[in-house]
Amino acid sequence: MAGNLSTDGGNAAILDVMSLLPAPSLFILFFVVCRCCFWFPHWIRAATASRHLSNHQDPGPGHRVFWCVMVAVMPLMMIFIDAPLNTIKTAAIVTAVPLLVVLIIMNYGMIGWMRKNYGHASRDAIRNGHTS
């Protein structure tokens, strides 16, 4: 299997490992379903990047597709060019830095919102839902 990883790449090695498990078809199906679950955060990104959404309103389908494609482009490029592991690590770090900046800004906004809405209330009042 280790030789297969170096010659055929990671996808073939994953399939080889799963073929050794009992009921390999089920494990491969489970793996594919789990991988698809990691595509769903595009909905959250689209909702975060959309302006003026009211409660329980979804972002537009074009916006969701845009974020889904943006999330998929980098890993697909790495697979198609058969990039070595160090290149994939570097790409992950480079693409994560701008996201880190956005997350810091979002956390700052969330803390400000919490101070504004809950700064005057005690811990017990917040727990019991009496924050007005």
N, C-alpha and C. Protein backbone atom coordinates (compact mmCIF):
# COMPACT_ATOMS: atom_id res chain seq x y z
N MET A 1 0.81 -1.20 0.00
CA MET A 1 0.00 0.00 0.00
C MET A 1 0.85 1.25 0.00
N ALA A 2 1.94 1.26 0.76
CA ALA A 2 2.80 2.44 0.78
C ALA A 2 3.41 2.67 -0.59
N GLY A 3 3.76 1.60 -1.27
CA GLY A 3 4.28 1.73 -2.63
C GLY A 3 3.23 2.26 -3.57
N ASN A 4 1.99 1.84 -3.37
CA ASN A 4 0.89 2.33 -4.19
C ASN A 4 0.68 3.81 -3.98
N LEU A 5 0.87 4.29 -2.76
CA LEU A 5 0.71 5.71 -2.46
C LEU A 5 1.73 6.52 -3.25
N SER A 6 2.98 6.05 -3.31
CA SER A 6 4.00 6.81 -4.01
C SER A 6 3.89 6.68 -5.53
N THR A 7 3.36 5.56 -6.03
CA THR A 7 3.28 5.40 -7.48
C THR A 7 1.95 5.86 -8.07
N ASP A 8 0.84 5.49 -7.42
CA ASP A 8 -0.47 5.79 -7.99
C ASP A 8 -1.16 6.98 -7.35
N GLY A 9 -0.68 7.44 -6.21
CA GLY A 9 -1.27 8.61 -5.57
C GLY A 9 -2.22 8.25 -4.44
N GLY A 10 -2.71 9.29 -3.78
CA GLY A 10 -3.53 9.13 -2.58
C GLY A 10 -4.87 8.49 -2.82
N ASN A 11 -5.53 8.81 -3.96
CA ASN A 11 -6.86 8.25 -4.21
C ASN A 11 -6.80 6.74 -4.33
N ALA A 12 -5.81 6.23 -5.05
CA ALA A 12 -5.67 4.79 -5.21
C ALA A 12 -5.34 4.13 -3.87
N ALA A 13 -4.53 4.79 -3.05
CA ALA A 13 -4.18 4.23 -1.74
C ALA A 13 -5.40 4.17 -0.83
N ILE A 14 -6.25 5.18 -0.88
CA ILE A 14 -7.47 5.18 -0.07
C ILE A 14 -8.37 4.02 -0.48
N LEU A 15 -8.52 3.82 -1.79
CA LEU A 15 -9.35 2.72 -2.27
C LEU A 15 -8.75 1.37 -1.90
N ASP A 16 -7.43 1.26 -1.94
CA ASP A 16 -6.77 0.01 -1.55
C ASP A 16 -7.01 -0.31 -0.08
N VAL A 17 -6.89 0.70 0.78
CA VAL A 17 -7.12 0.47 2.20
C VAL A 17 -8.58 0.07 2.44
N MET A 18 -9.50 0.74 1.78
CA MET A 18 -10.91 0.43 1.98
C MET A 18 -11.27 -0.94 1.43
N SER A 19 -10.56 -1.40 0.42
CA SER A 19 -10.85 -2.73 -0.13
C SER A 19 -10.46 -3.84 0.84
N LEU A 20 -9.61 -3.54 1.81
CA LEU A 20 -9.21 -4.52 2.82
C LEU A 20 -10.23 -4.65 3.94
N LEU A 21 -11.11 -3.70 4.08
CA LEU A 21 -12.11 -3.71 5.15
C LEU A 21 -13.25 -4.66 4.81
N PRO A 22 -13.96 -5.16 5.83
CA PRO A 22 -15.15 -5.95 5.52
C PRO A 22 -16.21 -5.06 4.87
N ALA A 23 -16.89 -5.57 3.90
CA ALA A 23 -17.91 -4.81 3.14
C ALA A 23 -17.30 -3.54 2.56
N PRO A 24 -16.32 -3.69 1.67
CA PRO A 24 -15.63 -2.49 1.15
C PRO A 24 -16.55 -1.54 0.40
N SER A 25 -17.57 -2.06 -0.27
CA SER A 25 -18.48 -1.16 -1.00
C SER A 25 -19.20 -0.22 -0.05
N LEU A 26 -19.58 -0.72 1.13
CA LEU A 26 -20.25 0.14 2.10
C LEU A 26 -19.31 1.21 2.64
N PHE A 27 -18.07 0.82 2.89
CA PHE A 27 -17.11 1.81 3.40
C PHE A 27 -16.79 2.87 2.35
N ILE A 28 -16.69 2.45 1.10
CA ILE A 28 -16.43 3.43 0.03
C ILE A 28 -17.62 4.37 -0.10
N LEU A 29 -18.84 3.83 -0.03
CA LEU A 29 -20.03 4.67 -0.09
C LEU A 29 -20.07 5.64 1.09
N PHE A 30 -19.76 5.14 2.29
CA PHE A 30 -19.71 5.98 3.48
C PHE A 30 -18.67 7.09 3.32
N PHE A 31 -17.52 6.76 2.76
CA PHE A 31 -16.45 7.74 2.54
C PHE A 31 -16.93 8.83 1.57
N VAL A 32 -17.59 8.42 0.50
CA VAL A 32 -18.08 9.40 -0.48
C VAL A 32 -19.13 10.31 0.15
N VAL A 33 -20.03 9.75 0.96
CA VAL A 33 -21.05 10.56 1.63
C VAL A 33 -20.39 11.55 2.59
N CYS A 34 -19.40 11.08 3.35
CA CYS A 34 -18.69 11.99 4.27
C CYS A 34 -17.98 13.10 3.52
N ARG A 35 -17.39 12.79 2.40
CA ARG A 35 -16.71 13.81 1.60
C ARG A 35 -17.71 14.84 1.09
N CYS A 36 -18.89 14.37 0.71
CA CYS A 36 -19.91 15.30 0.23
C CYS A 36 -20.39 16.22 1.34
N CYS A 37 -20.40 15.72 2.56
CA CYS A 37 -20.82 16.55 3.69
C CYS A 37 -19.89 17.74 3.88
N PHE A 38 -18.63 17.60 3.48
CA PHE A 38 -17.71 18.71 3.61
C PHE A 38 -17.95 19.78 2.55
N TRP A 39 -18.81 19.50 1.59
CA TRP A 39 -19.14 20.50 0.57
C TRP A 39 -20.25 21.41 1.05
N PHE A 40 -21.01 21.02 2.08
CA PHE A 40 -22.14 21.82 2.53
C PHE A 40 -21.78 23.14 3.18
N PRO A 41 -20.59 23.32 3.75
CA PRO A 41 -20.30 24.64 4.32
C PRO A 41 -20.36 25.79 3.32
N HIS A 42 -20.43 25.50 2.02
CA HIS A 42 -20.57 26.60 1.06
C HIS A 42 -21.86 27.37 1.32
N TRP A 43 -22.88 26.70 1.84
CA TRP A 43 -24.13 27.36 2.16
C TRP A 43 -23.90 28.41 3.25
N ILE A 44 -23.10 28.05 4.24
CA ILE A 44 -22.80 28.96 5.33
C ILE A 44 -21.99 30.14 4.82
N ARG A 45 -21.01 29.87 3.96
CA ARG A 45 -20.21 30.96 3.39
C ARG A 45 -21.09 31.91 2.58
N ALA A 46 -21.99 31.35 1.79
CA ALA A 46 -22.88 32.19 0.99
C ALA A 46 -23.79 33.03 1.87
N ALA A 47 -24.30 32.44 2.96
CA ALA A 47 -25.17 33.20 3.86
C ALA A 47 -24.39 34.30 4.57
N THR A 48 -23.13 34.01 4.93
CA THR A 48 -22.31 35.00 5.61
C THR A 48 -21.96 36.15 4.68
N ALA A 49 -21.71 35.83 3.41
CA ALA A 49 -21.29 36.85 2.45
C ALA A 49 -22.47 37.61 1.84
N SER A 50 -23.70 37.15 2.06
CA SER A 50 -24.87 37.82 1.50
C SER A 50 -25.29 38.97 2.40
N ARG A 51 -25.66 40.05 1.77
CA ARG A 51 -26.12 41.22 2.53
C ARG A 51 -27.64 41.19 2.66
N HIS A 52 -28.10 41.71 3.73
CA HIS A 52 -29.53 41.96 3.96
C HIS A 52 -30.39 40.71 3.90
N LEU A 53 -29.91 39.61 4.45
CA LEU A 53 -30.75 38.41 4.57
C LEU A 53 -31.56 38.53 5.85
N SER A 54 -32.85 38.27 5.75
CA SER A 54 -33.66 38.27 6.96
C SER A 54 -33.60 36.88 7.58
N ASN A 55 -34.18 36.75 8.77
CA ASN A 55 -34.18 35.46 9.46
C ASN A 55 -34.83 34.39 8.60
N HIS A 56 -34.24 33.22 8.57
CA HIS A 56 -34.74 32.06 7.84
C HIS A 56 -34.78 32.27 6.34
N GLN A 57 -34.05 33.23 5.82
CA GLN A 57 -33.97 33.44 4.38
C GLN A 57 -32.66 32.84 3.87
N ASP A 58 -32.72 32.15 2.75
CA ASP A 58 -31.54 31.50 2.19
C ASP A 58 -30.87 32.41 1.17
N PRO A 59 -29.55 32.28 1.02
CA PRO A 59 -28.87 33.03 -0.03
C PRO A 59 -29.29 32.50 -1.40
N GLY A 60 -29.10 33.31 -2.40
CA GLY A 60 -29.50 32.94 -3.76
C GLY A 60 -28.73 31.73 -4.28
N PRO A 61 -29.33 30.99 -5.21
CA PRO A 61 -28.65 29.80 -5.72
C PRO A 61 -27.35 30.11 -6.44
N GLY A 62 -27.30 31.22 -7.13
CA GLY A 62 -26.06 31.60 -7.80
C GLY A 62 -24.92 31.83 -6.82
N HIS A 63 -25.25 32.46 -5.71
CA HIS A 63 -24.25 32.73 -4.67
C HIS A 63 -23.77 31.42 -4.05
N ARG A 64 -24.68 30.49 -3.79
CA ARG A 64 -24.30 29.19 -3.23
C ARG A 64 -23.42 28.41 -4.19
N VAL A 65 -23.78 28.43 -5.47
CA VAL A 65 -22.97 27.72 -6.47
C VAL A 65 -21.58 28.34 -6.57
N PHE A 66 -21.50 29.66 -6.52
CA PHE A 66 -20.20 30.33 -6.57
C PHE A 66 -19.29 29.83 -5.47
N TRP A 67 -19.80 29.78 -4.23
CA TRP A 67 -18.96 29.35 -3.11
C TRP A 67 -18.63 27.87 -3.18
N CYS A 68 -19.54 27.07 -3.69
CA CYS A 68 -19.27 25.65 -3.86
C CYS A 68 -18.13 25.45 -4.86
N VAL A 69 -18.18 26.18 -5.95
CA VAL A 69 -17.12 26.07 -6.97
C VAL A 69 -15.80 26.58 -6.41
N MET A 70 -15.83 27.69 -5.67
CA MET A 70 -14.59 28.23 -5.11
C MET A 70 -13.95 27.27 -4.12
N VAL A 71 -14.76 26.57 -3.35
CA VAL A 71 -14.22 25.61 -2.39
C VAL A 71 -13.66 24.38 -3.11
N ALA A 72 -14.24 24.04 -4.25
CA ALA A 72 -13.83 22.83 -4.97
C ALA A 72 -12.64 23.04 -5.89
N VAL A 73 -12.40 24.26 -6.33
CA VAL A 73 -11.37 24.51 -7.34
C VAL A 73 -9.98 24.11 -6.87
N MET A 74 -9.58 24.52 -5.69
CA MET A 74 -8.21 24.25 -5.23
C MET A 74 -7.92 22.76 -5.10
N PRO A 75 -8.75 21.98 -4.40
CA PRO A 75 -8.44 20.55 -4.32
C PRO A 75 -8.47 19.87 -5.68
N LEU A 76 -9.41 20.26 -6.54
CA LEU A 76 -9.46 19.64 -7.86
C LEU A 76 -8.23 19.98 -8.69
N MET A 77 -7.75 21.21 -8.59
CA MET A 77 -6.52 21.56 -9.31
C MET A 77 -5.36 20.71 -8.82
N MET A 78 -5.27 20.51 -7.52
CA MET A 78 -4.18 19.72 -6.98
C MET A 78 -4.26 18.26 -7.44
N ILE A 79 -5.46 17.74 -7.55
CA ILE A 79 -5.62 16.36 -8.03
C ILE A 79 -5.24 16.26 -9.50
N PHE A 80 -5.71 17.21 -10.31
CA PHE A 80 -5.47 17.13 -11.75
C PHE A 80 -4.00 17.33 -12.11
N ILE A 81 -3.28 18.15 -11.35
CA ILE A 81 -1.87 18.35 -11.67
C ILE A 81 -0.98 17.34 -10.95
N ASP A 82 -1.62 16.44 -10.17
CA ASP A 82 -0.89 15.41 -9.42
C ASP A 82 0.20 16.04 -8.56
N ALA A 83 -0.21 17.02 -7.78
CA ALA A 83 0.72 17.79 -6.96
C ALA A 83 1.28 16.95 -5.81
N PRO A 84 2.54 17.19 -5.46
CA PRO A 84 3.10 16.50 -4.29
C PRO A 84 2.50 17.06 -3.00
N LEU A 85 2.68 16.31 -1.93
CA LEU A 85 2.07 16.66 -0.65
C LEU A 85 2.51 18.04 -0.15
N ASN A 86 3.78 18.40 -0.33
CA ASN A 86 4.25 19.72 0.13
C ASN A 86 3.54 20.86 -0.58
N THR A 87 3.24 20.68 -1.85
CA THR A 87 2.52 21.71 -2.60
C THR A 87 1.10 21.85 -2.07
N ILE A 88 0.48 20.74 -1.75
CA ILE A 88 -0.88 20.77 -1.21
C ILE A 88 -0.89 21.46 0.15
N LYS A 89 0.10 21.16 0.98
CA LYS A 89 0.19 21.82 2.29
C LYS A 89 0.36 23.32 2.13
N THR A 90 1.25 23.73 1.24
CA THR A 90 1.48 25.16 1.01
C THR A 90 0.21 25.83 0.50
N ALA A 91 -0.48 25.18 -0.43
CA ALA A 91 -1.72 25.76 -0.98
C ALA A 91 -2.78 25.90 0.11
N ALA A 92 -2.85 24.92 1.00
CA ALA A 92 -3.83 25.01 2.09
C ALA A 92 -3.53 26.19 3.01
N ILE A 93 -2.27 26.41 3.29
CA ILE A 93 -1.88 27.52 4.16
C ILE A 93 -2.16 28.85 3.47
N VAL A 94 -1.78 28.96 2.20
CA VAL A 94 -1.97 30.21 1.46
C VAL A 94 -3.45 30.56 1.34
N THR A 95 -4.30 29.56 1.10
CA THR A 95 -5.73 29.86 0.97
C THR A 95 -6.40 30.07 2.33
N ALA A 96 -5.79 29.58 3.40
CA ALA A 96 -6.40 29.73 4.72
C ALA A 96 -6.14 31.11 5.34
N VAL A 97 -5.07 31.76 4.95
CA VAL A 97 -4.72 33.05 5.56
C VAL A 97 -5.81 34.11 5.33
N PRO A 98 -6.32 34.30 4.10
CA PRO A 98 -7.40 35.29 3.95
C PRO A 98 -8.66 34.90 4.74
N LEU A 99 -8.94 33.61 4.80
CA LEU A 99 -10.09 33.16 5.57
C LEU A 99 -9.90 33.46 7.06
N LEU A 100 -8.69 33.34 7.54
CA LEU A 100 -8.40 33.65 8.93
C LEU A 100 -8.70 35.12 9.24
N VAL A 101 -8.35 36.00 8.32
CA VAL A 101 -8.64 37.43 8.50
C VAL A 101 -10.15 37.65 8.59
N VAL A 102 -10.89 37.01 7.70
CA VAL A 102 -12.35 37.15 7.71
C VAL A 102 -12.92 36.61 9.02
N LEU A 103 -12.42 35.47 9.49
CA LEU A 103 -12.92 34.90 10.74
C LEU A 103 -12.62 35.80 11.94
N ILE A 104 -11.48 36.44 11.95
CA ILE A 104 -11.15 37.37 13.04
C ILE A 104 -12.12 38.55 13.04
N ILE A 105 -12.41 39.08 11.85
CA ILE A 105 -13.36 40.19 11.75
C ILE A 105 -14.75 39.75 12.20
N MET A 106 -15.17 38.54 11.81
CA MET A 106 -16.48 38.04 12.22
C MET A 106 -16.55 37.86 13.73
N ASN A 107 -15.48 37.34 14.33
CA ASN A 107 -15.47 37.17 15.79
C ASN A 107 -15.52 38.50 16.51
N TYR A 108 -14.81 39.49 15.99
CA TYR A 108 -14.85 40.83 16.58
C TYR A 108 -16.28 41.38 16.54
N GLY A 109 -16.96 41.20 15.42
CA GLY A 109 -18.35 41.65 15.30
C GLY A 109 -19.28 40.91 16.23
N MET A 110 -19.05 39.60 16.38
CA MET A 110 -19.90 38.81 17.26
C MET A 110 -19.72 39.23 18.72
N ILE A 111 -18.48 39.49 19.11
CA ILE A 111 -18.24 39.94 20.49
C ILE A 111 -18.89 41.29 20.73
N GLY A 112 -18.81 42.19 19.76
CA GLY A 112 -19.48 43.49 19.90
C GLY A 112 -20.99 43.35 20.02
N TRP A 113 -21.56 42.46 19.21
CA TRP A 113 -23.00 42.21 19.27
C TRP A 113 -23.39 41.65 20.62
N MET A 114 -22.60 40.70 21.14
CA MET A 114 -22.91 40.10 22.44
C MET A 114 -22.81 41.13 23.55
N ARG A 115 -21.81 42.00 23.49
CA ARG A 115 -21.69 43.04 24.52
C ARG A 115 -22.87 43.99 24.48
N LYS A 116 -23.29 44.33 23.26
CA LYS A 116 -24.41 45.26 23.10
C LYS A 116 -25.71 44.64 23.61
N ASN A 117 -25.97 43.39 23.28
CA ASN A 117 -27.24 42.77 23.64
C ASN A 117 -27.25 42.11 25.01
N TYR A 118 -26.10 41.65 25.47
CA TYR A 118 -26.06 40.89 26.72
C TYR A 118 -25.08 41.45 27.75
N GLY A 119 -24.45 42.56 27.47
CA GLY A 119 -23.46 43.11 28.38
C GLY A 119 -24.02 43.55 29.72
N HIS A 120 -25.27 43.93 29.74
CA HIS A 120 -25.89 44.42 30.98
C HIS A 120 -26.48 43.30 31.83
N ALA A 121 -26.63 42.11 31.26
CA ALA A 121 -27.33 41.02 31.96
C ALA A 121 -26.34 40.14 32.73
N SER A 122 -26.82 39.57 33.81
CA SER A 122 -25.99 38.64 34.58
C SER A 122 -25.99 37.27 33.90
N ARG A 123 -25.06 36.45 34.32
CA ARG A 123 -24.95 35.11 33.77
C ARG A 123 -26.23 34.31 34.00
N ASP A 124 -26.79 34.42 35.19
CA ASP A 124 -28.00 33.68 35.50
C ASP A 124 -29.19 34.17 34.67
N ALA A 125 -29.26 35.47 34.45
CA ALA A 125 -30.35 36.01 33.63
C ALA A 125 -30.23 35.53 32.19
N ILE A 126 -29.02 35.45 31.68
CA ILE A 126 -28.83 34.96 30.32
C ILE A 126 -29.22 33.49 30.23
N ARG A 127 -28.81 32.70 31.21
CA ARG A 127 -29.16 31.27 31.22
C ARG A 127 -30.66 31.05 31.27
N ASN A 128 -31.36 31.87 32.02
CA ASN A 128 -32.81 31.71 32.16
C ASN A 128 -33.60 32.42 31.08
N GLY A 129 -32.92 33.11 30.18
CA GLY A 129 -33.59 33.79 29.08
C GLY A 129 -34.21 35.12 29.45
N HIS A 130 -33.79 35.72 30.56
CA HIS A 130 -34.33 37.01 31.00
C HIS A 130 -33.28 38.10 30.76
N THR A 131 -33.11 38.50 29.50
CA THR A 131 -32.05 39.45 29.16
C THR A 131 -32.58 40.83 28.84
N SER A 132 -33.83 41.07 28.93
CA SER A 132 -34.34 42.39 28.56
C SER A 132 -34.21 43.41 29.62
